[in-house]
PDB file of N, CA and C in Angstrom:
ATOM      1  N   LYS A   1       0.826  -1.366   0.027  1.00  0.00           N
ATOM      2  CA  LYS A   1      -0.079  -0.041  -0.071  1.00  0.00           C
ATOM      3  C   LYS A   1       0.739   1.327   0.091  1.00  0.00           C
ATOM      4  N   LEU A   2       1.806   1.207   0.768  1.00  0.00           N
ATOM      5  CA  LEU A   2       2.954   2.377   0.746  1.00  0.00           C
ATOM      6  C   LEU A   2       3.360   2.587  -0.635  1.00  0.00           C
ATOM      7  N   CYS A   3       3.812   1.580  -1.168  1.00  0.00           N
ATOM      8  CA  CYS A   3       4.420   2.138  -2.658  1.00  0.00           C
ATOM      9  C   CYS A   3       3.380   2.398  -3.563  1.00  0.00           C
ATOM     10  N   LEU A   4       2.172   1.808  -3.541  1.00  0.00           N
ATOM     11  CA  LEU A   4       1.206   2.650  -4.340  1.00  0.00           C
ATOM     12  C   LEU A   4       0.752   4.137  -3.907  1.00  0.00           C
ATOM     13  N   TYR A   5       0.785   4.437  -2.676  1.00  0.00           N
ATOM     14  CA  TYR A   5       0.423   5.757  -2.123  1.00  0.00           C
ATOM     15  C   TYR A   5       1.746   6.512  -2.711  1.00  0.00           C
ATOM     16  N   ILE A   6       3.050   6.174  -2.635  1.00  0.00           N
ATOM     17  CA  ILE A   6       4.146   7.073  -3.076  1.00  0.00           C
ATOM     18  C   ILE A   6       4.020   7.241  -4.822  1.00  0.00           C
ATOM     19  N   PHE A   7       3.703   6.193  -5.417  1.00  0.00           N
ATOM     20  CA  PHE A   7       3.704   6.216  -6.953  1.00  0.00           C
ATOM     21  C   PHE A   7       2.428   7.116  -7.045  1.00  0.00           C
ATOM     22  N   LEU A   8       1.101   7.131  -6.459  1.00  0.00           N
ATOM     23  CA  LEU A   8       0.140   8.113  -6.600  1.00  0.00           C
ATOM     24  C   LEU A   8       0.637   9.500  -6.582  1.00  0.00           C
ATOM     25  N   ILE A   9       1.327   9.873  -5.510  1.00  0.00           N
ATOM     26  CA  ILE A   9       1.725  11.127  -5.091  1.00  0.00           C
ATOM     27  C   ILE A   9       2.907  11.720  -6.011  1.00  0.00           C
ATOM     28  N   THR A  10       3.650  10.989  -6.618  1.00  0.00           N
ATOM     29  CA  THR A  10       4.592  11.125  -7.738  1.00  0.00           C
ATOM     30  C   THR A  10       3.966  11.547  -8.870  1.00  0.00           C
ATOM     31  N   VAL A  11       2.906  10.811  -9.394  1.00  0.00           N
ATOM     32  CA  VAL A  11       2.338  10.893 -10.583  1.00  0.00           C
ATOM     33  C   VAL A  11       1.637  12.218 -10.440  1.00  0.00           C
ATOM     34  N   THR A  12       0.783  12.638  -9.302  1.00  0.00           N
ATOM     35  CA  THR A  12       0.104  13.762  -9.133  1.00  0.00           C
ATOM     36  C   THR A  12       1.064  15.158  -9.035  1.00  0.00           C
ATOM     37  N   LEU A  13       2.484  15.078  -8.606  1.00  0.00           N
ATOM     38  CA  LEU A  13       3.209  15.971  -8.394  1.00  0.00           C
ATOM     39  C   LEU A  13       3.801  16.118 -10.405  1.00  0.00           C
ATOM     40  N   LEU A  14       3.873  15.122 -10.659  1.00  0.00           N
ATOM     41  CA  LEU A  14       4.330  15.341 -12.379  1.00  0.00           C
ATOM     42  C   LEU A  14       3.327  15.859 -13.174  1.00  0.00           C
ATOM     43  N   ILE A  15       2.214  15.632 -12.754  1.00  0.00           N
ATOM     44  CA  ILE A  15       0.972  16.086 -13.720  1.00  0.00           C
ATOM     45  C   ILE A  15       0.798  17.521 -13.216  1.00  0.00           C
ATOM     46  N   SER A  16       0.882  18.002 -12.029  1.00  0.00           N
ATOM     47  CA  SER A  16       0.656  19.347 -11.446  1.00  0.00           C
ATOM     48  C   SER A  16       1.866  20.243 -12.202  1.00  0.00           C
ATOM     49  N   ASN A  17       3.263  19.697 -12.221  1.00  0.00           N
ATOM     50  CA  ASN A  17       4.395  20.574 -12.573  1.00  0.00           C
ATOM     51  C   ASN A  17       4.073  20.847 -14.246  1.00  0.00           C
ATOM     52  N   TYR A  18       3.471  19.820 -14.909  1.00  0.00           N
ATOM     53  CA  TYR A  18       3.455  19.693 -16.384  1.00  0.00           C
ATOM     54  C   TYR A  18       2.389  20.913 -16.574  1.00  0.00           C
ATOM     55  N   ILE A  19       1.155  21.034 -15.866  1.00  0.00           N
ATOM     56  CA  ILE A  19       0.111  22.104 -15.944  1.00  0.00           C
ATOM     57  C   ILE A  19       0.549  23.328 -15.772  1.00  0.00           C
ATOM     58  N   VAL A  20       1.448  23.554 -14.763  1.00  0.00           N
ATOM     59  CA  VAL A  20       2.120  24.776 -14.358  1.00  0.00           C
ATOM     60  C   VAL A  20       3.057  25.174 -15.192  1.00  0.00           C
ATOM     61  N   LYS A  21       3.824  24.424 -16.165  1.00  0.00           N
ATOM     62  CA  LYS A  21       4.539  24.732 -17.148  1.00  0.00           C
ATOM     63  C   LYS A  21       3.813  25.053 -18.482  1.00  0.00           C
ATOM     64  N   ARG A  22       2.736  24.689 -18.973  1.00  0.00           N
ATOM     65  CA  ARG A  22       1.961  24.807 -19.927  1.00  0.00           C
ATOM     66  C   ARG A  22       1.123  25.808 -19.982  1.00  0.00           C
ATOM     67  N   GLU A  23       0.253  26.013 -18.754  1.00  0.00           N
ATOM     68  CA  GLU A  23      -0.544  27.139 -18.743  1.00  0.00           C
ATOM     69  C   GLU A  23      -0.172  28.364 -18.266  1.00  0.00           C
ATOM     70  N   GLY A  24      -0.477  29.347 -18.702  1.00  0.00           N
ATOM     71  CA  GLY A  24      -0.127  30.850 -18.073  1.00  0.00           C
ATOM     72  C   GLY A  24      -1.114  31.357 -17.282  1.00  0.00           C
ATOM     73  N   LYS A  25      -2.382  30.676 -17.182  1.00  0.00           N
ATOM     74  CA  LYS A  25      -3.525  31.090 -16.198  1.00  0.00           C
ATOM     75  C   LYS A  25      -3.475  30.176 -15.060  1.00  0.00           C
ATOM     76  N   VAL A  26      -2.298  29.672 -14.359  1.00  0.00           N
ATOM     77  CA  VAL A  26      -2.425  28.712 -13.280  1.00  0.00           C
ATOM     78  C   VAL A  26      -3.143  29.271 -11.862  1.00  0.00           C
ATOM     79  N   ILE A  27      -3.217  30.436 -11.745  1.00  0.00           N
ATOM     80  CA  ILE A  27      -3.881  30.958 -10.454  1.00  0.00           C
ATOM     81  C   ILE A  27      -5.440  30.723 -10.702  1.00  0.00           C
ATOM     82  N   ARG A  28      -5.920  30.886 -11.878  1.00  0.00           N
ATOM     83  CA  ARG A  28      -7.404  30.650 -11.852  1.00  0.00           C
ATOM     84  C   ARG A  28      -7.639  29.207 -11.846  1.00  0.00           C
ATOM     85  N   TYR A  29      -7.059  28.379 -12.294  1.00  0.00           N
ATOM     86  CA  TYR A  29      -7.233  26.721 -12.150  1.00  0.00           C
ATOM     87  C   TYR A  29      -6.809  26.160 -11.005  1.00  0.00           C
ATOM     88  N   LYS A  30      -6.152  26.952 -10.084  1.00  0.00           N
ATOM     89  CA  LYS A  30      -5.584  26.250  -8.850  1.00  0.00           C
ATOM     90  C   LYS A  30      -6.829  25.789  -7.948  1.00  0.00           C
ATOM     91  N   SER A  31      -7.988  26.649  -7.752  1.00  0.00           N
ATOM     92  CA  SER A  31      -8.878  26.144  -7.121  1.00  0.00           C
ATOM     93  C   SER A  31      -9.768  24.668  -7.804  1.00  0.00           C
ATOM     94  N   PHE A  32      -9.858  24.649  -9.043  1.00  0.00           N
ATOM     95  CA  PHE A  32     -10.089  23.353  -9.721  1.00  0.00           C
ATOM     96  C   PHE A  32      -9.530  22.380  -9.232  1.00  0.00           C
ATOM     97  N   GLN A  33      -8.072  22.435  -9.346  1.00  0.00           N
ATOM     98  CA  GLN A  33      -7.166  21.470  -8.977  1.00  0.00           C
ATOM     99  C   GLN A  33      -7.397  20.929  -7.616  1.00  0.00           C
ATOM    100  N   ARG A  34      -7.521  21.840  -6.712  1.00  0.00           N
ATOM    101  CA  ARG A  34      -7.668  21.539  -5.147  1.00  0.00           C
ATOM    102  C   ARG A  34      -8.990  20.683  -5.165  1.00  0.00           C
ATOM    103  N   SER A  35      -9.972  21.154  -5.889  1.00  0.00           N
ATOM    104  CA  SER A  35     -11.481  20.340  -5.968  1.00  0.00           C
ATOM    105  C   SER A  35     -11.214  18.964  -6.344  1.00  0.00           C
ATOM    106  N   LEU A  36     -10.570  18.939  -7.444  1.00  0.00           N
ATOM    107  CA  LEU A  36     -10.591  17.636  -8.182  1.00  0.00           C
ATOM    108  C   LEU A  36      -9.329  16.745  -7.336  1.00  0.00           C
ATOM    109  N   SER A  37      -8.603  17.416  -6.566  1.00  0.00           N
ATOM    110  CA  SER A  37      -7.476  16.427  -5.891  1.00  0.00           C
ATOM    111  C   SER A  37      -8.378  15.965  -4.639  1.00  0.00           C
ATOM    112  N   LEU A  38      -9.293  16.682  -4.078  1.00  0.00           N
ATOM    113  CA  LEU A  38     -10.018  16.110  -3.116  1.00  0.00           C
ATOM    114  C   LEU A  38     -11.283  15.107  -3.282  1.00  0.00           C
ATOM    115  N   ILE A  39     -11.702  15.160  -4.683  1.00  0.00           N
ATOM    116  CA  ILE A  39     -12.626  14.168  -4.940  1.00  0.00           C
ATOM    117  C   ILE A  39     -11.856  12.894  -5.342  1.00  0.00           C
ATOM    118  N   LEU A  40     -10.769  13.277  -5.916  1.00  0.00           N
ATOM    119  CA  LEU A  40      -9.798  11.907  -6.652  1.00  0.00           C
ATOM    120  C   LEU A  40      -9.393  11.271  -5.342  1.00  0.00           C
ATOM    121  N   MET A  41      -9.068  11.980  -4.057  1.00  0.00           N
ATOM    122  CA  MET A  41      -8.438  11.119  -2.895  1.00  0.00           C
ATOM    123  C   MET A  41      -9.475  10.436  -2.206  1.00  0.00           C
ATOM    124  N   LEU A  42     -10.983  10.884  -2.429  1.00  0.00           N
ATOM    125  CA  LEU A  42     -11.703  10.273  -1.741  1.00  0.00           C
ATOM    126  C   LEU A  42     -11.902   8.987  -2.574  1.00  0.00           C
ATOM    127  N   ILE A  43     -12.167   9.184  -3.924  1.00  0.00           N
ATOM    128  CA  ILE A  43     -12.260   7.651  -4.760  1.00  0.00           C
ATOM    129  C   ILE A  43     -11.164   6.686  -4.562  1.00  0.00           C
ATOM    130  N   LEU A  44      -9.945   7.576  -4.654  1.00  0.00           N
ATOM    131  CA  LEU A  44      -8.647   6.372  -4.225  1.00  0.00           C
ATOM    132  C   LEU A  44      -8.944   5.790  -3.028  1.00  0.00           C
ATOM    133  N   GLY A  45      -9.025   6.509  -2.068  1.00  0.00           N
ATOM    134  CA  GLY A  45      -9.228   5.845  -0.511  1.00  0.00           C
ATOM    135  C   GLY A  45     -10.033   4.947  -0.443  1.00  0.00           C
ATOM    136  N   HIS A  46     -11.307   5.161  -1.197  1.00  0.00           N
ATOM    137  CA  HIS A  46     -12.240   4.032  -1.011  1.00  0.00           C
ATOM    138  C   HIS A  46     -12.269   2.798  -1.966  1.00  0.00           C
ATOM    139  N   THR A  47     -11.600   2.925  -2.971  1.00  0.00           N
ATOM    140  CA  THR A  47     -10.990   1.774  -4.046  1.00  0.00           C
ATOM    141  C   THR A  47     -10.002   1.193  -3.620  1.00  0.00           C
ATOM    142  N   PHE A  48      -8.861   1.784  -3.115  1.00  0.00           N
ATOM    143  CA  PHE A  48      -7.501   0.951  -2.862  1.00  0.00           C
ATOM    144  C   PHE A  48      -7.610   0.636  -1.440  1.00  0.00           C
ATOM    145  N   PHE A  49      -7.962   1.741  -0.511  1.00  0.00           N
ATOM    146  CA  PHE A  49      -7.680   1.381   0.917  1.00  0.00           C
ATOM    147  C   PHE A  49      -8.896   1.268   1.737  1.00  0.00           C
ATOM    148  N   GLY A  50     -10.113   1.021   1.086  1.00  0.00           N
ATOM    149  CA  GLY A  50     -11.185   0.345   1.662  1.00  0.00           C
ATOM    150  C   GLY A  50     -11.857   1.501   2.794  1.00  0.00           C
ATOM    151  N   GLU A  51     -11.777   2.751   2.766  1.00  0.00           N
ATOM    152  CA  GLU A  51     -11.983   3.812   3.454  1.00  0.00           C
ATOM    153  C   GLU A  51     -13.603   3.814   3.264  1.00  0.00           C
ATOM    154  N   LYS A  52     -14.606   4.026   4.174  1.00  0.00           N
ATOM    155  CA  LYS A  52     -15.898   4.282   4.267  1.00  0.00           C
ATOM    156  C   LYS A  52     -16.325   5.792   3.719  1.00  0.00           C
ATOM    157  N   VAL A  53     -17.372   5.833   2.643  1.00  0.00           N
ATOM    158  CA  VAL A  53     -17.550   7.011   2.133  1.00  0.00           C
ATOM    159  C   VAL A  53     -19.178   7.148   2.958  1.00  0.00           C
ATOM    160  N   THR A  54     -19.036   8.254   3.708  1.00  0.00           N
ATOM    161  CA  THR A  54     -20.251   8.568   4.446  1.00  0.00           C
ATOM    162  C   THR A  54     -20.937   9.982   3.869  1.00  0.00           C
ATOM    163  N   ILE A  55     -22.023  10.149   4.284  1.00  0.00           N
ATOM    164  CA  ILE A  55     -22.681  11.250   3.993  1.00  0.00           C
ATOM    165  C   ILE A  55     -22.124  12.509   4.426  1.00  0.00           C
ATOM    166  N   ASN A  56     -21.431  12.457   5.613  1.00  0.00           N
ATOM    167  CA  ASN A  56     -20.862  13.443   6.353  1.00  0.00           C
ATOM    168  C   ASN A  56     -19.567  13.729   5.355  1.00  0.00           C
ATOM    169  N   THR A  57     -18.797  12.659   4.887  1.00  0.00           N
ATOM    170  CA  THR A  57     -17.437  12.995   4.122  1.00  0.00           C
ATOM    171  C   THR A  57     -18.041  13.738   2.887  1.00  0.00           C
ATOM    172  N   CYS A  58     -19.055  13.228   2.142  1.00  0.00           N
ATOM    173  CA  CYS A  58     -19.516  13.992   0.892  1.00  0.00           C
ATOM    174  C   CYS A  58     -19.821  15.430   0.852  1.00  0.00           C
ATOM    175  N   LEU A  59     -20.860  15.475   2.081  1.00  0.00           N
ATOM    176  CA  LEU A  59     -21.178  16.790   2.381  1.00  0.00           C
ATOM    177  C   LEU A  59     -19.817  17.884   2.944  1.00  0.00           C
ATOM    178  N   GLY A  60     -19.097  17.247   3.502  1.00  0.00           N
ATOM    179  CA  GLY A  60     -17.774  17.997   3.749  1.00  0.00           C
ATOM    180  C   GLY A  60     -17.037  18.540   2.687  1.00  0.00           C
ATOM    181  N   ILE A  61     -16.600  17.478   1.761  1.00  0.00           N
ATOM    182  CA  ILE A  61     -16.189  17.763   0.473  1.00  0.00           C
ATOM    183  C   ILE A  61     -16.883  18.912  -0.391  1.00  0.00           C
ATOM    184  N   GLY A  62     -18.182  18.511  -0.432  1.00  0.00           N
ATOM    185  CA  GLY A  62     -19.151  19.643  -1.152  1.00  0.00           C
ATOM    186  C   GLY A  62     -18.756  21.035  -0.759  1.00  0.00           C
ATOM    187  N   VAL A  63     -19.021  21.120   0.873  1.00  0.00           N
ATOM    188  CA  VAL A  63     -18.728  22.616   1.232  1.00  0.00           C
ATOM    189  C   VAL A  63     -17.388  23.102   0.919  1.00  0.00           C
ATOM    190  N   ILE A  64     -16.276  22.287   1.221  1.00  0.00           N
ATOM    191  CA  ILE A  64     -14.969  22.723   0.682  1.00  0.00           C
ATOM    192  C   ILE A  64     -14.977  23.022  -0.802  1.00  0.00           C
ATOM    193  N   VAL A  65     -15.510  22.374  -1.594  1.00  0.00           N
ATOM    194  CA  VAL A  65     -15.378  22.747  -2.964  1.00  0.00           C
ATOM    195  C   VAL A  65     -16.043  23.990  -3.409  1.00  0.00           C
ATOM    196  N   LEU A  66     -17.543  23.976  -2.550  1.00  0.00           N
ATOM    197  CA  LEU A  66     -18.145  25.118  -2.887  1.00  0.00           C
ATOM    198  C   LEU A  66     -17.401  26.593  -2.470  1.00  0.00           C
ATOM    199  N   GLY A  67     -16.771  26.359  -1.139  1.00  0.00           N
ATOM    200  CA  GLY A  67     -15.970  27.606  -0.784  1.00  0.00           C
ATOM    201  C   GLY A  67     -14.943  27.902  -1.749  1.00  0.00           C
ATOM    202  N   LEU A  68     -14.086  26.794  -2.328  1.00  0.00           N
ATOM    203  CA  LEU A  68     -13.324  27.300  -3.203  1.00  0.00           C
ATOM    204  C   LEU A  68     -13.834  27.994  -4.423  1.00  0.00           C
ATOM    205  N   PHE A  69     -14.783  27.750  -4.962  1.00  0.00           N
ATOM    206  CA  PHE A  69     -15.440  28.099  -5.909  1.00  0.00           C
ATOM    207  C   PHE A  69     -15.897  29.594  -5.643  1.00  0.00           C
ATOM    208  N   ILE A  70     -16.480  29.860  -4.545  1.00  0.00           N
ATOM    209  CA  ILE A  70     -16.807  31.073  -4.177  1.00  0.00           C
ATOM    210  C   ILE A  70     -15.576  31.907  -3.755  1.00  0.00           C
ATOM    211  N   LEU A  71     -14.524  31.519  -3.418  1.00  0.00           N
ATOM    212  CA  LEU A  71     -13.094  32.126  -3.072  1.00  0.00           C
ATOM    213  C   LEU A  71     -12.778  32.550  -4.478  1.00  0.00           C
ATOM    214  N   ASP A  72     -12.706  31.511  -5.520  1.00  0.00           N
ATOM    215  CA  ASP A  72     -11.969  31.829  -6.887  1.00  0.00           C
ATOM    216  C   ASP A  72     -12.732  33.104  -7.645  1.00  0.00           C
ATOM    217  N   ARG A  73     -14.017  33.251  -7.365  1.00  0.00           N
ATOM    218  CA  ARG A  73     -14.696  34.424  -8.057  1.00  0.00           C
ATOM    219  C   ARG A  73     -14.862  35.661  -7.421  1.00  0.00           C
TER     220      ARG A  73
END
């Protein structure tokens, strides 16, 4: 599990670095990246590590994503 976790972090860092280099409007997309990373971590945690997805977890992520969109505008 630890090797898989390290691999996922490495891939995420490489993709983020590629986006930063290619796009000039990185600041605008930063909140989208944070929102998608939260959702991706929830899915990966459920799929690979057997974490339970509850209503409170989904509502918490929804509130964070909504806050990031409001903050971005």
